[in-house]
Protein backbone atom coordinates (compact mmCIF):
# COMPACT_ATOMS: atom_id res chain seq x y z
CA UNK A 1 -20.92 158.96 83.87
CA UNK A 2 -24.71 159.28 83.10
CA UNK A 3 -26.72 162.43 84.49
CA UNK A 4 -29.30 161.50 87.19
CA UNK A 5 -32.84 162.03 85.90
CA UNK A 6 -34.50 165.54 87.23
CA UNK A 7 -37.66 165.08 89.95
CA UNK A 8 -39.71 165.73 86.63
CA UNK A 9 -38.44 163.04 84.74
CA UNK A 10 -38.78 160.49 87.30
CA UNK A 11 -42.45 161.42 88.40
CA UNK A 12 -45.00 158.85 87.13
CA UNK A 13 -47.84 161.00 88.54
CA UNK A 14 -47.95 164.02 90.31
CA UNK A 15 -48.22 164.14 94.12
CA UNK A 16 -51.65 163.90 95.83
CA UNK A 17 -53.38 163.10 98.86
CA UNK A 18 -55.24 159.66 99.33
CA UNK A 19 -57.24 159.08 102.44
CA UNK A 20 -57.67 155.48 101.92
CA UNK A 21 -53.52 155.16 102.35
CA UNK A 22 -53.35 156.85 105.50
CA UNK A 23 -56.03 154.75 107.20
CA UNK A 24 -53.92 151.44 105.52
CA UNK A 25 -50.35 153.28 106.68
CA UNK A 26 -48.06 151.19 108.80
CA UNK A 27 -47.46 152.64 111.95
CA UNK A 28 -43.82 151.72 112.89
CA UNK A 29 -42.43 154.04 110.49
CA UNK A 30 -44.54 157.02 112.07
CA UNK A 31 -42.84 156.15 115.37
CA UNK A 32 -39.37 156.05 113.90
CA UNK A 33 -40.43 159.90 112.51
CA UNK A 34 -41.95 160.96 116.06
CA UNK A 35 -38.65 159.63 117.58
CA UNK A 36 -36.59 161.53 115.48
CA UNK A 37 -38.42 164.48 115.75
CA UNK A 38 -38.48 164.28 119.72
CA UNK A 39 -35.08 163.91 119.87
CA UNK A 40 -34.25 166.59 117.61
CA UNK A 41 -36.29 169.16 119.62
CA UNK A 42 -34.85 168.01 122.99
CA UNK A 43 -31.28 168.78 121.34
CA UNK A 44 -32.35 172.12 119.95
CA UNK A 45 -33.93 172.69 124.03
CA UNK A 46 -30.53 171.54 125.31
CA UNK A 47 -28.64 174.26 123.04
CA UNK A 48 -31.35 176.57 124.11
CA UNK A 49 -30.98 176.18 127.73
CA UNK A 50 -27.21 176.02 127.33
CA UNK A 51 -26.40 179.14 124.74
CA UNK A 52 -29.72 181.25 125.14
CA UNK A 53 -32.50 181.68 123.01
CA UNK A 54 -31.41 183.27 120.17
CA UNK A 55 -28.63 180.22 119.09
CA UNK A 56 -31.19 177.63 120.25
CA UNK A 57 -34.08 179.20 117.72
CA UNK A 58 -31.67 178.93 114.83
CA UNK A 59 -31.92 174.87 115.86
CA UNK A 60 -35.63 174.73 115.08
CA UNK A 61 -34.39 175.38 111.24
CA UNK A 62 -33.22 171.79 111.02
CA UNK A 63 -35.93 169.04 109.62
CA UNK A 64 -36.52 167.51 112.66
CA UNK A 65 -37.66 163.84 111.49
CA UNK A 66 -35.27 164.08 108.17
CA UNK A 67 -32.98 161.43 109.26
CA UNK A 68 -35.63 158.63 109.96
CA UNK A 69 -37.30 159.53 106.93
CA UNK A 70 -34.52 159.20 104.67
CA UNK A 71 -33.70 155.91 106.19
CA UNK A 72 -36.94 154.78 105.91
CA UNK A 73 -37.46 155.51 102.13
CA UNK A 74 -33.88 154.21 101.54
CA UNK A 75 -34.80 150.87 103.25
CA UNK A 76 -38.44 151.08 101.33
CA UNK A 77 -37.91 152.17 97.93
CA UNK A 78 -34.20 153.18 96.76
CA UNK A 79 -30.98 155.51 97.38
CA UNK A 80 -32.17 157.59 94.87
CA UNK A 81 -35.41 158.32 95.99
CA UNK A 82 -33.75 159.17 99.55
CA UNK A 83 -31.43 161.28 97.30
CA UNK A 84 -34.44 163.25 96.23
CA UNK A 85 -35.88 163.70 99.40
CA UNK A 86 -32.90 165.12 100.56
CA UNK A 87 -32.67 167.65 97.95
CA UNK A 88 -35.68 168.70 98.75
CA UNK A 89 -34.88 168.91 102.43
CA UNK A 90 -32.26 171.30 101.67
CA UNK A 91 -34.37 174.47 101.01
CA UNK A 92 -37.22 173.44 103.57
CA UNK A 93 -34.40 173.56 106.24
CA UNK A 94 -32.74 176.73 104.53
CA UNK A 95 -36.13 178.41 104.68
CA UNK A 96 -37.12 177.24 108.31
CA UNK A 97 -33.36 178.67 109.22
CA UNK A 98 -34.18 181.73 107.67
CA UNK A 99 -37.23 181.95 109.82
CA UNK A 100 -35.89 181.43 112.83
CA UNK A 101 -33.35 184.12 112.34
CA UNK A 102 -35.65 186.53 111.01
CA UNK A 103 -37.97 186.08 114.10
CA UNK A 104 -34.97 186.32 116.49
CA UNK A 105 -33.70 189.60 115.26
CA UNK A 106 -37.48 190.94 114.60
CA UNK A 107 -39.31 190.03 117.97
CA UNK A 108 -39.09 192.50 120.64
CA UNK A 109 -37.97 195.08 117.86
CA UNK A 110 -41.27 194.94 115.80
CA UNK A 111 -44.87 194.31 116.97
CA UNK A 112 -44.97 190.05 117.60
CA UNK A 113 -48.00 190.08 114.52
CA UNK A 114 -45.50 191.73 112.06
CA UNK A 115 -42.38 190.15 113.55
CA UNK A 116 -43.98 186.60 112.84
CA UNK A 117 -45.34 187.88 108.97
CA UNK A 118 -42.17 188.96 108.56
CA UNK A 119 -40.39 185.68 109.24
CA UNK A 120 -42.98 183.75 107.31
CA UNK A 121 -42.97 185.61 104.17
CA UNK A 122 -39.00 185.23 104.07
CA UNK A 123 -39.74 181.00 105.05
CA UNK A 124 -42.67 181.23 101.89
CA UNK A 125 -39.90 183.31 99.32
CA UNK A 126 -36.67 181.09 100.27
CA UNK A 127 -38.86 177.70 100.20
CA UNK A 128 -40.94 178.38 97.06
CA UNK A 129 -37.34 179.63 95.48
CA UNK A 130 -35.31 176.54 96.56
CA UNK A 131 -38.01 174.20 95.30
CA UNK A 132 -38.73 176.13 91.79
CA UNK A 133 -34.47 175.76 91.60
CA UNK A 134 -34.71 172.09 92.36
CA UNK A 135 -37.66 171.63 90.08
CA UNK A 136 -36.73 173.39 87.23
CA UNK A 137 -32.95 172.46 87.19
């Protein structure tokens, strides 16, 4: 069994923003992503109403458009690309979940700005460490 290439071995060029591609972009995939994000947000809201703010807040860590994005990537590109995006979403989701947990624990205990700053610092640390671990594995 051959080992799958790392992301650095698979990239032909580094990521960059090309405004011309944004203008020419197909709108249908955007609608899928928007719909998936809206449904995920509605589900998080329903959990919040049913189980309370602290439990519902944790669900904000779920990458709202992940399912739609992975489906579209697999259809348009390849399963390997979808797997790579899923790997990247894992530390991103973990970082967002930690943000929600830190915010839930510190809001009301600390000044609002300090609580959000603490949650943001936790998010940034976990996201950077997670992506670095995936990038240099």
